[in-house]
Amino acid sequence: MKIKHLVLFLSVLIFVCACKKNTTDPNGQEEPADPKAKVEPLNVDNTKPISTDNRVIYELNLFNFTSAGTLSAAEARLPELNKLGIDIVWLMPIQTRSTQGKIGSLGSPYALRNYTEVNPKHGTMADFQSFVSKAHELGMEIWLDWVPNHTGLDNVWVTEHPEYYETKNGEIVHPNNYGDVYQLNYGNADLQKAMIDAMIYWIKNADIDGFRCDYVSSPKIPASFWQKAIPEIRAAGGSKYIWMLGEADFAADAKALLSVGFDYDYAWGYHDRIKNLLGTNSSAIGVKNQSKSLIVNGNYANMDRMVYLTNHDDIGDNFSANYFNYWNTNVPPLTVVEFTLYGMPLLYNGQEIGYRKVQNYFNKDVINWSNPNKQIQNTIRTLIALRHTQKALASGQKKEERPKTTFLETDNSSVLAYTKKQDDNEVLVVVSFANSATQVQISGITAGTYELWLNKESIAKETTKETCELEETKTLTLPQKGYLVYVKK
C-alpha cells in the first residue's frame, strides 16, 4: 500500500510540475509559461540583402567547383549559391590560359593568352552569357577576375603588339621572376587603351557587374591609369554601376590607390596580423586591438574593404597548407568575426562546408562536396542571413554612415565581445578563443530582450532562434571556441 501511495504521489507531482511549466493558449496549444524564453526554428535560406552594404561575395574557381569544370555545370549550381545567400560571384579568370611555360596541367589562371576569349575548357561566350543571365535572374552579380599587370608568354599581344611589353636588353621582362608571364608596359598609351577596351568588352558582350583586379599594388601600374580607366569602365555600364575591387591593402602597399575610384580593397594586413596572433594563442586581446585599428582607420573614409579568412592565394608554400593549418579550431569563431565585425565578407570555394583540402589552381582539383562540416555549414548559413537582414551588420563606403562598433569589457582575456548598432538595430557578438570551456562576465550590454540567432552548442544540429533577457552585466559560459550572436528586439 505504501508503494502504491508513493507512485500516486509522484504521478500527481509530475502532473502539477508539467502544468506549472506550460500554459494553454486560446487555441488549445501548449506554450511556455514565459513566452520570451521560447526556441523557434529559424529559416536562414534564400535571404536577400537589405542594401548593397549587406552583401556577401563568393570566389569561384570553375575547374574545382564542379567535376565538369564548365560554365554550364556551374550555372546549374547557381541556385545552390543563391539559396546559401551569395550576392556576388567573383569568377577566377575564365579566359584561355597560356600553354607556353605553363605550370601544372592547366597553367596559371593569371597567365592569359587572350583577354577577350573564353577558355574552351570552360565553354563558349554563349555559355558565359547564359551563366551571367542566370545569375542576374537569381538576383546575383558576376564580377570577373582581371589581370592587368602581365600576360602569358604566348598572349596574342606578344606578336601583334610587342611594344605593349617592358623590355630589358632586348628581352621581355618577367615580373617578380615569374617565368610564365611577361610584364606589360604602362608607359605605352596604346597599351592602356587596349587594357581598358578589353575590360569594357566583357561589360558590353556579357553584361558583367564588376571586376576583381589582380595585383593592383604593382609598381608598374601607375595610379593615373586607374584614374582614367575606372570612369571609362563605369560609363560603359550605362545605368548599371560597375563595381571595382582591388587586390591590395591600400593602407599598406598601395596608398596611391585610395582615391582613384575603387570600391573595395583587401583587409590584407588585418588578416595577416590575426593569422600571426592566433596560430596557437587563445587570447582575444590582440584580436580586439587589431579589430579596433581596422575599424578606426581614417584612410578608408570613402571606400569599403573585403574581409576574408581564405582565398586562392592562401595556400602556404607550394599548396602545402590552408587556413585550417594555422587557425585550426579558431576557424569557427573567426568566421563569426569575419561576418559581423567590418567590411564585406568573402567565401572561397568550399569554405561554406568547412572544406580542409588545399586547392591547387594549376591542376584540376575538384572539391568533394559530399561530407560537409555541419557546424561550419550551419554557422555560415546563419551568418549570411544575419548579414543580409541586420542594418547593424552593414559595411559602407562612407565612414560616417557605418554602424557603430563598441567593444565590451570582459573579465576573461580569451573572450571577445562587441556590439554593432545602426539606428534601432543592435547585434551583440561574443566569441571565445579559449582552448576549453570558459566562463566570462561581460559589462556594457544594452539591457533588454534579445533573440539568440547563433550558438555553437546547437548550430551543428539545426538553425534556431531563442528569445531571452540580457542584463547590463551578464555572466555566460561558453564551450571551447564557442560563440553567440544576439539580435536585440
Protein backbone atom coordinates (compact mmCIF):
# COMPACT_ATOMS: atom_id res chain seq x y z
CA MET A 1 0.00 0.00 0.00
CA LYS A 2 2.79 2.44 0.83
CA ILE A 3 4.43 1.85 -2.55
CA LYS A 4 1.12 2.47 -4.32
CA HIS A 5 0.67 5.71 -2.38
CA LEU A 6 4.19 6.78 -3.31
CA VAL A 7 3.58 6.07 -7.00
CA LEU A 8 0.31 8.02 -6.85
CA PHE A 9 2.04 10.96 -5.13
CA LEU A 10 4.81 11.06 -7.72
CA SER A 11 2.30 10.92 -10.57
CA VAL A 12 0.41 13.91 -9.16
CA LEU A 13 3.67 15.81 -8.60
CA ILE A 14 4.80 15.26 -12.19
CA PHE A 15 1.42 16.44 -13.46
CA VAL A 16 1.48 19.59 -11.30
CA CYS A 17 5.02 20.43 -12.42
CA ALA A 18 4.05 19.97 -16.04
CA CYS A 19 1.13 22.35 -15.59
CA LYS A 20 3.36 24.95 -13.99
CA LYS A 21 5.80 24.67 -16.86
CA ASN A 22 3.24 25.15 -19.61
CA THR A 23 0.08 27.13 -20.14
CA THR A 24 -2.61 26.73 -22.76
CA ASP A 25 -3.42 29.47 -25.27
CA PRO A 26 -6.99 30.13 -26.55
CA ASN A 27 -6.40 27.70 -29.43
CA GLY A 28 -5.61 24.89 -27.05
CA GLN A 29 -1.87 24.85 -27.89
CA GLU A 30 0.66 24.44 -25.12
CA GLU A 31 3.30 27.13 -24.85
CA PRO A 32 5.98 28.00 -22.25
CA ALA A 33 4.81 29.99 -19.25
CA ASP A 34 7.39 32.63 -20.23
CA PRO A 35 6.91 33.21 -23.97
CA LYS A 36 10.14 35.24 -24.07
CA ALA A 37 12.11 32.05 -23.41
CA LYS A 38 10.84 30.03 -26.36
CA VAL A 39 13.05 28.48 -29.04
CA GLU A 40 11.80 28.70 -32.62
CA PRO A 41 13.02 27.29 -35.93
CA LEU A 42 15.00 29.84 -37.94
CA ASN A 43 14.87 29.81 -41.74
CA VAL A 44 18.21 31.14 -42.96
CA ASP A 45 17.98 30.14 -46.64
CA ASN A 46 17.28 32.32 -49.69
CA THR A 47 17.71 35.60 -47.83
CA LYS A 48 18.48 38.79 -49.74
CA PRO A 49 20.50 41.80 -48.52
CA ILE A 50 18.63 44.86 -47.33
CA SER A 51 21.25 47.04 -49.04
CA THR A 52 24.40 46.81 -51.16
CA ASP A 53 26.30 47.28 -47.89
CA ASN A 54 24.95 43.96 -46.60
CA ARG A 55 26.29 41.72 -49.36
CA VAL A 56 28.46 38.58 -49.37
CA ILE A 57 30.95 37.75 -52.14
CA TYR A 58 31.98 34.25 -53.26
CA GLU A 59 35.20 33.38 -55.11
CA LEU A 60 34.61 30.58 -57.61
CA ASN A 61 37.23 28.52 -59.47
CA LEU A 62 35.38 26.86 -62.33
CA PHE A 63 37.82 23.95 -62.64
CA ASN A 64 37.36 22.97 -58.99
CA PHE A 65 33.71 23.91 -58.44
CA THR A 66 32.30 21.02 -60.50
CA SER A 67 33.75 17.84 -61.95
CA ALA A 68 32.99 19.11 -65.47
CA GLY A 69 34.73 22.43 -64.84
CA THR A 70 32.41 24.21 -67.25
CA LEU A 71 30.28 27.32 -67.15
CA SER A 72 27.20 25.23 -67.89
CA ALA A 73 27.86 22.92 -64.93
CA ALA A 74 28.46 25.91 -62.66
CA GLU A 75 25.30 27.59 -63.93
CA ALA A 76 23.30 24.54 -62.88
CA ARG A 77 24.56 25.07 -59.34
CA LEU A 78 23.86 28.80 -59.13
CA PRO A 79 20.53 28.13 -57.35
CA GLU A 80 22.55 26.48 -54.54
CA LEU A 81 24.66 29.61 -54.13
CA ASN A 82 21.51 31.70 -54.25
CA LYS A 83 19.93 29.56 -51.52
CA LEU A 84 23.07 29.99 -49.42
CA GLY A 85 22.70 33.74 -49.84
CA ILE A 86 25.57 34.64 -52.15
CA ASP A 87 25.15 38.08 -53.71
CA ILE A 88 28.30 38.38 -55.83
CA VAL A 89 30.13 35.60 -57.64
CA TRP A 90 33.76 36.53 -58.30
CA LEU A 91 34.93 34.23 -61.07
CA MET A 92 38.63 33.50 -61.19
CA PRO A 93 39.90 34.26 -64.74
CA ILE A 94 37.81 32.41 -67.31
CA GLN A 95 39.94 33.36 -70.32
CA THR A 96 42.20 30.99 -72.25
CA ARG A 97 45.36 30.21 -70.32
CA SER A 98 48.78 30.28 -71.89
CA THR A 99 50.41 26.97 -72.73
CA GLN A 100 53.96 28.27 -73.20
CA GLY A 101 55.86 27.98 -69.93
CA LYS A 102 52.73 26.76 -68.18
CA ILE A 103 52.76 25.45 -64.63
CA GLY A 104 50.93 22.19 -63.94
CA SER A 105 48.49 20.56 -66.31
CA LEU A 106 46.30 23.68 -66.66
CA GLY A 107 48.72 26.55 -66.45
CA SER A 108 48.10 29.60 -64.28
CA PRO A 109 44.72 31.37 -64.38
CA TYR A 110 46.78 34.56 -64.10
CA ALA A 111 48.82 33.86 -67.26
CA LEU A 112 46.35 34.71 -70.02
CA ARG A 113 46.70 34.04 -73.72
CA ASN A 114 43.80 36.24 -74.79
CA TYR A 115 41.91 38.82 -72.72
CA THR A 116 38.72 38.55 -74.79
CA GLU A 117 38.38 34.79 -75.28
CA VAL A 118 36.59 32.27 -73.06
CA ASN A 119 38.70 29.25 -72.23
CA PRO A 120 37.18 26.48 -74.39
CA LYS A 121 37.62 24.07 -71.47
CA HIS A 122 35.01 26.18 -69.67
CA GLY A 123 32.76 26.60 -72.70
CA THR A 124 31.86 29.38 -75.12
CA MET A 125 30.97 33.04 -74.89
CA ALA A 126 27.35 31.98 -75.26
CA ASP A 127 27.81 29.74 -72.20
CA PHE A 128 29.21 32.66 -70.25
CA GLN A 129 26.38 34.93 -71.34
CA SER A 130 23.92 32.29 -70.16
CA PHE A 131 25.76 31.97 -66.83
CA VAL A 132 25.59 35.73 -66.25
CA SER A 133 21.96 35.88 -67.30
CA LYS A 134 21.01 33.09 -64.88
CA ALA A 135 22.87 34.80 -62.05
CA HIS A 136 21.01 38.05 -62.76
CA GLU A 137 17.72 36.17 -62.83
CA LEU A 138 18.52 34.93 -59.31
CA GLY A 139 19.47 38.41 -58.11
CA MET A 140 23.24 37.79 -58.06
CA GLU A 141 26.06 39.77 -59.66
CA ILE A 142 29.07 38.45 -61.59
CA TRP A 143 32.48 40.04 -61.08
CA LEU A 144 35.26 38.93 -63.39
CA ASP A 145 38.83 38.48 -62.19
CA TRP A 146 41.13 40.76 -64.19
CA VAL A 147 44.92 40.53 -64.67
CA PRO A 148 46.24 43.99 -65.61
CA ASN A 149 49.92 43.66 -64.73
CA HIS A 150 51.13 40.86 -67.01
CA THR A 151 50.15 38.31 -69.65
CA GLY A 152 51.12 34.77 -70.53
CA LEU A 153 54.16 34.16 -72.71
CA ASP A 154 52.07 33.32 -75.77
CA ASN A 155 49.47 36.06 -75.37
CA VAL A 156 48.32 37.38 -78.74
CA TRP A 157 49.76 40.78 -77.86
CA VAL A 158 53.31 39.37 -77.73
CA THR A 159 53.39 39.02 -81.51
CA GLU A 160 50.77 41.59 -82.50
CA HIS A 161 51.90 44.38 -80.14
CA PRO A 162 55.36 43.72 -78.70
CA GLU A 163 55.50 47.41 -77.83
CA TYR A 164 52.94 46.72 -75.08
CA TYR A 165 55.64 44.96 -73.03
CA GLU A 166 58.52 46.09 -70.86
CA THR A 167 61.91 45.00 -72.15
CA LYS A 168 65.46 44.90 -70.86
CA ASN A 169 68.44 44.28 -73.11
CA GLY A 170 66.03 43.40 -75.90
CA GLU A 171 64.19 40.75 -73.87
CA ILE A 172 60.68 41.00 -72.41
CA VAL A 173 60.81 41.23 -68.62
CA HIS A 174 59.38 38.57 -66.30
CA PRO A 175 57.78 40.36 -63.30
CA ASN A 176 58.95 39.15 -59.89
CA ASN A 177 60.90 36.40 -61.66
CA TYR A 178 57.64 34.62 -62.58
CA GLY A 179 58.76 32.56 -65.56
CA ASP A 180 55.29 32.01 -67.03
CA VAL A 181 54.32 35.69 -67.52
CA TYR A 182 55.56 38.88 -69.21
CA GLN A 183 55.43 42.39 -67.75
CA LEU A 184 53.21 44.93 -69.50
CA ASN A 185 54.46 48.45 -70.13
CA TYR A 186 52.06 51.10 -68.81
CA GLY A 187 54.27 53.82 -70.20
CA ASN A 188 52.66 52.95 -73.54
CA ALA A 189 49.41 54.87 -74.05
CA ASP A 190 48.16 52.33 -76.59
CA LEU A 191 48.56 49.53 -74.04
CA GLN A 192 46.48 51.48 -71.55
CA LYS A 193 43.73 51.96 -74.12
CA ALA A 194 43.83 48.30 -75.14
CA MET A 195 43.51 47.21 -71.50
CA ILE A 196 40.52 49.47 -70.91
CA ASP A 197 38.89 48.30 -74.15
CA ALA A 198 39.38 44.66 -73.13
CA MET A 199 37.63 45.27 -69.81
CA ILE A 200 34.77 47.11 -71.50
CA TYR A 201 34.42 44.17 -73.91
CA TRP A 202 33.08 41.98 -71.08
CA ILE A 203 30.64 44.62 -69.94
CA LYS A 204 29.27 45.11 -73.45
CA ASN A 205 29.25 41.47 -74.51
CA ALA A 206 28.47 39.59 -71.30
CA ASP A 207 26.77 42.19 -69.06
CA ILE A 208 29.11 41.58 -66.10
CA ASP A 209 28.73 43.71 -62.99
CA GLY A 210 32.26 44.34 -61.78
CA PHE A 211 35.93 43.40 -61.68
CA ARG A 212 38.28 41.97 -59.08
CA CYS A 213 41.59 43.43 -60.24
CA ASP A 214 44.69 41.34 -59.61
CA TYR A 215 47.93 42.78 -58.18
CA VAL A 216 46.92 46.44 -58.40
CA SER A 217 49.76 47.25 -56.00
CA SER A 218 52.21 46.56 -58.82
CA PRO A 219 54.71 49.43 -59.07
CA LYS A 220 54.44 49.07 -62.85
CA ILE A 221 50.80 50.22 -62.96
CA PRO A 222 50.51 53.97 -62.21
CA ALA A 223 47.58 55.27 -60.20
CA SER A 224 46.86 57.58 -63.12
CA PHE A 225 45.87 54.55 -65.20
CA TRP A 226 43.07 53.68 -62.77
CA GLN A 227 42.00 57.32 -62.54
CA LYS A 228 41.45 57.21 -66.27
CA ALA A 229 40.22 53.62 -66.60
CA ILE A 230 37.60 53.39 -63.87
CA PRO A 231 35.37 56.26 -65.12
CA GLU A 232 35.51 54.87 -68.67
CA ILE A 233 34.67 51.37 -67.44
CA ARG A 234 31.74 52.69 -65.40
CA ALA A 235 30.50 54.76 -68.33
CA ALA A 236 30.39 51.57 -70.40
CA GLY A 237 27.95 50.12 -67.89
CA GLY A 238 25.40 52.81 -68.68
CA SER A 239 22.81 52.97 -65.93
CA LYS A 240 24.32 49.93 -64.21
CA TYR A 241 27.05 50.66 -61.69
CA ILE A 242 30.26 48.70 -62.29
CA TRP A 243 31.97 47.66 -59.05
CA MET A 244 35.75 47.62 -58.63
CA LEU A 245 37.69 45.51 -56.12
CA GLY A 246 41.48 45.87 -55.96
CA GLU A 247 43.78 43.11 -54.72
CA ALA A 248 45.94 45.10 -52.32
CA ASP A 249 45.90 46.58 -48.84
CA PHE A 250 45.65 50.21 -49.88
CA ALA A 251 46.70 51.47 -46.45
CA ALA A 252 49.87 49.41 -46.55
CA ASP A 253 51.15 48.76 -50.07
CA ALA A 254 49.01 50.91 -52.39
CA LYS A 255 48.27 54.24 -50.72
CA ALA A 256 48.16 55.98 -54.10
CA LEU A 257 45.01 53.98 -54.96
CA LEU A 258 42.91 55.19 -52.02
CA SER A 259 41.19 57.86 -54.10
CA VAL A 260 41.25 56.60 -57.70
CA GLY A 261 37.78 55.05 -57.71
CA PHE A 262 37.97 51.53 -56.29
CA ASP A 263 35.04 50.46 -54.13
CA TYR A 264 36.89 47.79 -52.13
CA ASP A 265 40.38 46.65 -51.30
CA TYR A 266 41.58 43.66 -49.25
CA ALA A 267 41.87 43.93 -45.45
CA TRP A 268 45.11 42.07 -46.07
CA GLY A 269 47.19 43.39 -43.19
CA TYR A 270 44.39 42.65 -40.72
CA HIS A 271 44.18 39.07 -41.96
CA ASP A 272 47.92 38.54 -41.66
CA ARG A 273 48.18 40.07 -38.19
CA ILE A 274 45.31 37.91 -36.89
CA LYS A 275 46.99 34.92 -38.55
CA ASN A 276 50.16 35.61 -36.58
CA LEU A 277 48.25 36.21 -33.35
CA LEU A 278 46.06 33.13 -33.33
CA GLY A 279 48.22 30.33 -34.64
CA THR A 280 48.13 28.73 -31.19
CA ASN A 281 47.29 31.69 -28.95
CA SER A 282 43.96 31.71 -27.13
CA SER A 283 43.99 35.40 -26.16
CA ALA A 284 41.37 37.71 -27.61
CA ILE A 285 43.24 40.88 -26.60
CA GLY A 286 45.32 41.07 -29.77
CA VAL A 287 42.26 40.40 -31.94
CA LYS A 288 40.44 43.21 -30.14
CA ASN A 289 43.29 45.66 -30.64
CA GLN A 290 43.73 44.79 -34.32
CA SER A 291 39.98 44.96 -34.87
CA LYS A 292 39.84 48.42 -33.33
CA SER A 293 42.62 49.50 -35.65
CA LEU A 294 40.78 48.09 -38.67
CA ILE A 295 37.58 49.96 -37.85
CA VAL A 296 39.00 53.35 -36.94
CA ASN A 297 41.45 53.53 -39.87
CA GLY A 298 40.82 57.03 -41.21
CA ASN A 299 42.26 56.22 -44.65
CA TYR A 300 39.01 54.44 -45.51
CA ALA A 301 36.61 57.32 -45.15
CA ASN A 302 35.13 56.86 -48.64
CA MET A 303 35.67 53.24 -49.62
CA ASP A 304 34.98 49.80 -48.20
CA ARG A 305 37.09 46.71 -47.63
CA MET A 306 36.77 42.99 -48.29
CA VAL A 307 37.49 40.77 -45.29
CA TYR A 308 38.32 37.09 -45.56
CA LEU A 309 39.66 34.00 -43.83
CA THR A 310 40.92 32.39 -47.02
CA ASN A 311 41.14 32.74 -50.79
CA HIS A 312 43.02 31.16 -53.70
CA ASP A 313 46.32 32.74 -52.60
CA ASP A 314 46.01 31.37 -49.08
CA ILE A 315 47.87 28.16 -49.87
CA GLY A 316 51.07 28.08 -47.84
CA ASP A 317 54.28 27.23 -49.65
CA ASN A 318 53.53 25.49 -52.97
CA PHE A 319 49.98 24.45 -51.99
CA SER A 320 51.18 22.96 -48.71
CA ALA A 321 48.62 24.48 -46.32
CA ASN A 322 45.34 26.31 -45.98
CA TYR A 323 43.65 28.37 -43.30
CA PHE A 324 42.84 25.34 -41.15
CA ASN A 325 46.55 24.55 -40.85
CA TYR A 326 47.33 27.74 -38.97
CA TRP A 327 43.99 28.57 -37.32
CA ASN A 328 42.66 25.05 -36.73
CA THR A 329 39.93 25.22 -34.05
CA ASN A 330 39.91 29.03 -34.25
CA VAL A 331 38.31 28.84 -37.71
CA PRO A 332 34.67 28.83 -36.46
CA PRO A 333 34.94 31.80 -34.06
CA LEU A 334 36.99 33.76 -36.61
CA THR A 335 34.30 33.06 -39.20
CA VAL A 336 31.83 34.77 -36.87
CA VAL A 337 34.17 37.76 -36.59
CA GLU A 338 34.62 37.88 -40.38
CA PHE A 339 30.88 38.19 -40.96
CA THR A 340 29.98 40.56 -38.13
CA LEU A 341 32.84 42.98 -37.47
CA TYR A 342 33.60 45.06 -40.55
CA GLY A 343 33.64 45.13 -44.35
CA MET A 344 32.25 42.78 -46.99
CA PRO A 345 32.89 39.08 -46.17
CA LEU A 346 34.35 36.70 -48.74
CA LEU A 347 33.70 32.98 -49.05
CA TYR A 348 36.10 30.88 -51.08
CA ASN A 349 35.24 27.67 -52.98
CA GLY A 350 34.23 25.10 -50.37
CA GLN A 351 34.63 27.34 -47.32
CA GLU A 352 30.88 27.11 -46.79
CA ILE A 353 31.21 23.38 -45.97
CA GLY A 354 34.43 23.66 -43.98
CA TYR A 355 36.49 22.11 -46.79
CA ARG A 356 40.01 21.48 -45.50
CA LYS A 357 41.90 20.31 -48.58
CA VAL A 358 44.31 22.77 -50.19
CA GLN A 359 43.04 23.57 -53.69
CA ASN A 360 45.59 23.63 -56.49
CA TYR A 361 44.68 26.01 -59.31
CA PHE A 362 47.47 24.88 -61.66
CA ASN A 363 45.80 21.46 -61.87
CA LYS A 364 42.22 20.27 -61.75
CA ASP A 365 41.39 19.61 -58.11
CA VAL A 366 37.62 19.13 -57.77
CA ILE A 367 36.06 19.85 -54.39
CA ASN A 368 34.45 16.90 -52.61
CA TRP A 369 31.10 18.35 -51.57
CA SER A 370 29.78 15.12 -50.03
CA ASN A 371 30.96 15.48 -46.42
CA PRO A 372 30.20 18.96 -45.11
CA ASN A 373 31.19 20.09 -41.63
CA LYS A 374 27.67 20.75 -40.30
CA GLN A 375 28.80 23.14 -37.58
CA ILE A 376 30.63 25.37 -40.03
CA GLN A 377 27.98 24.97 -42.74
CA ASN A 378 25.09 26.00 -40.48
CA THR A 379 27.17 28.73 -38.88
CA ILE A 380 27.88 30.30 -42.27
CA ARG A 381 24.28 29.91 -43.42
CA THR A 382 23.12 31.75 -40.29
CA LEU A 383 25.82 34.41 -40.55
CA ILE A 384 24.79 35.20 -44.12
CA ALA A 385 21.16 35.56 -43.01
CA LEU A 386 22.27 37.86 -40.20
CA ARG A 387 24.44 39.86 -42.56
CA HIS A 388 21.58 40.24 -45.03
CA THR A 389 18.87 41.24 -42.58
CA GLN A 390 20.53 43.39 -39.90
CA LYS A 391 21.33 47.06 -40.56
CA ALA A 392 23.88 46.87 -37.77
CA LEU A 393 25.96 44.41 -39.79
CA ALA A 394 26.24 46.57 -42.91
CA SER A 395 29.61 47.78 -44.11
CA GLY A 396 29.54 51.03 -46.09
CA GLN A 397 31.50 53.21 -48.47
CA LYS A 398 31.27 56.26 -46.21
CA LYS A 399 32.81 56.08 -42.76
CA GLU A 400 30.24 58.36 -41.11
CA GLU A 401 27.36 56.14 -42.30
CA ARG A 402 28.74 52.85 -40.98
CA PRO A 403 27.28 51.13 -37.92
CA LYS A 404 28.80 51.96 -34.53
CA THR A 405 31.05 49.27 -33.09
CA THR A 406 31.53 49.07 -29.31
CA PHE A 407 33.94 46.61 -27.74
CA LEU A 408 32.60 45.45 -24.38
CA GLU A 409 34.55 44.82 -21.19
CA THR A 410 35.12 41.18 -20.25
CA ASP A 411 36.88 39.57 -17.29
CA ASN A 412 38.31 36.82 -19.48
CA SER A 413 41.20 37.54 -21.85
CA SER A 414 40.15 34.67 -24.15
CA VAL A 415 36.74 36.16 -24.94
CA LEU A 416 35.95 38.97 -27.38
CA ALA A 417 32.61 40.76 -27.11
CA TYR A 418 31.28 43.67 -29.14
CA THR A 419 28.06 45.28 -30.27
CA LYS A 420 27.15 46.65 -33.69
CA LYS A 421 24.46 49.32 -33.75
CA GLN A 422 22.71 51.21 -36.55
CA ASP A 423 19.62 53.28 -35.74
CA ASP A 424 17.33 51.00 -33.70
CA ASN A 425 19.07 47.78 -34.76
CA GLU A 426 21.68 46.23 -32.43
CA VAL A 427 23.64 42.98 -32.61
CA LEU A 428 25.75 41.52 -29.79
CA VAL A 429 28.61 39.18 -30.68
CA VAL A 430 30.53 37.01 -28.19
CA VAL A 431 33.36 34.71 -29.31
CA SER A 432 35.75 32.61 -27.27
CA PHE A 433 39.25 31.65 -28.38
CA ALA A 434 39.82 29.57 -25.24
CA ASN A 435 41.05 26.01 -25.65
CA SER A 436 38.48 24.71 -23.15
CA ALA A 437 35.05 25.64 -21.85
CA THR A 438 35.19 29.01 -20.13
CA GLN A 439 33.07 31.48 -18.18
CA VAL A 440 33.04 35.21 -18.83
CA GLN A 441 31.40 38.25 -17.30
CA ILE A 442 30.53 40.90 -19.88
CA SER A 443 29.78 44.50 -18.95
CA GLY A 444 28.21 47.24 -21.03
CA ILE A 445 25.40 45.25 -22.65
CA THR A 446 22.28 47.19 -23.61
CA ALA A 447 19.80 45.52 -21.27
CA GLY A 448 16.63 44.12 -22.80
CA THR A 449 15.08 41.34 -24.83
CA TYR A 450 17.23 39.59 -27.44
CA GLU A 451 16.96 36.79 -29.97
CA LEU A 452 19.88 34.39 -29.91
CA TRP A 453 20.42 33.51 -33.58
CA LEU A 454 23.70 31.68 -33.35
CA ASN A 455 25.01 29.34 -30.65
CA LYS A 456 27.90 26.95 -31.20
CA GLU A 457 26.37 24.38 -28.85
CA SER A 458 23.28 23.85 -31.02
CA ILE A 459 24.20 25.05 -34.51
CA ALA A 460 25.51 21.76 -35.88
CA LYS A 461 22.08 20.22 -35.36
CA GLU A 462 19.71 22.96 -36.53
CA THR A 463 19.20 26.68 -37.07
CA THR A 464 17.02 28.24 -34.38
CA LYS A 465 16.45 31.49 -32.55
CA GLU A 466 15.83 31.74 -28.83
CA THR A 467 14.30 34.74 -27.13
CA CYS A 468 15.98 35.71 -23.87
CA GLU A 469 16.64 38.59 -21.49
CA LEU A 470 20.09 40.11 -21.04
CA GLU A 471 21.14 42.44 -18.23
CA GLU A 472 23.77 45.18 -18.49
CA THR A 473 26.25 42.80 -16.87
CA LYS A 474 25.92 39.16 -17.83
CA THR A 475 27.87 36.03 -16.97
CA LEU A 476 27.99 33.46 -19.77
CA THR A 477 29.50 30.01 -20.09
CA LEU A 478 30.92 29.17 -23.50
CA PRO A 479 32.24 25.85 -24.79
CA GLN A 480 35.70 25.55 -26.30
CA LYS A 481 35.93 28.09 -29.18
CA GLY A 482 32.29 28.96 -28.51
CA TYR A 483 30.29 31.82 -30.00
CA LEU A 484 26.96 33.56 -29.54
CA VAL A 485 25.25 36.17 -31.74
CA TYR A 486 22.22 38.03 -30.35
CA VAL A 487 19.84 40.44 -32.08
CA LYS A 488 18.11 42.97 -29.84
CA LYS A 489 14.34 43.04 -30.21
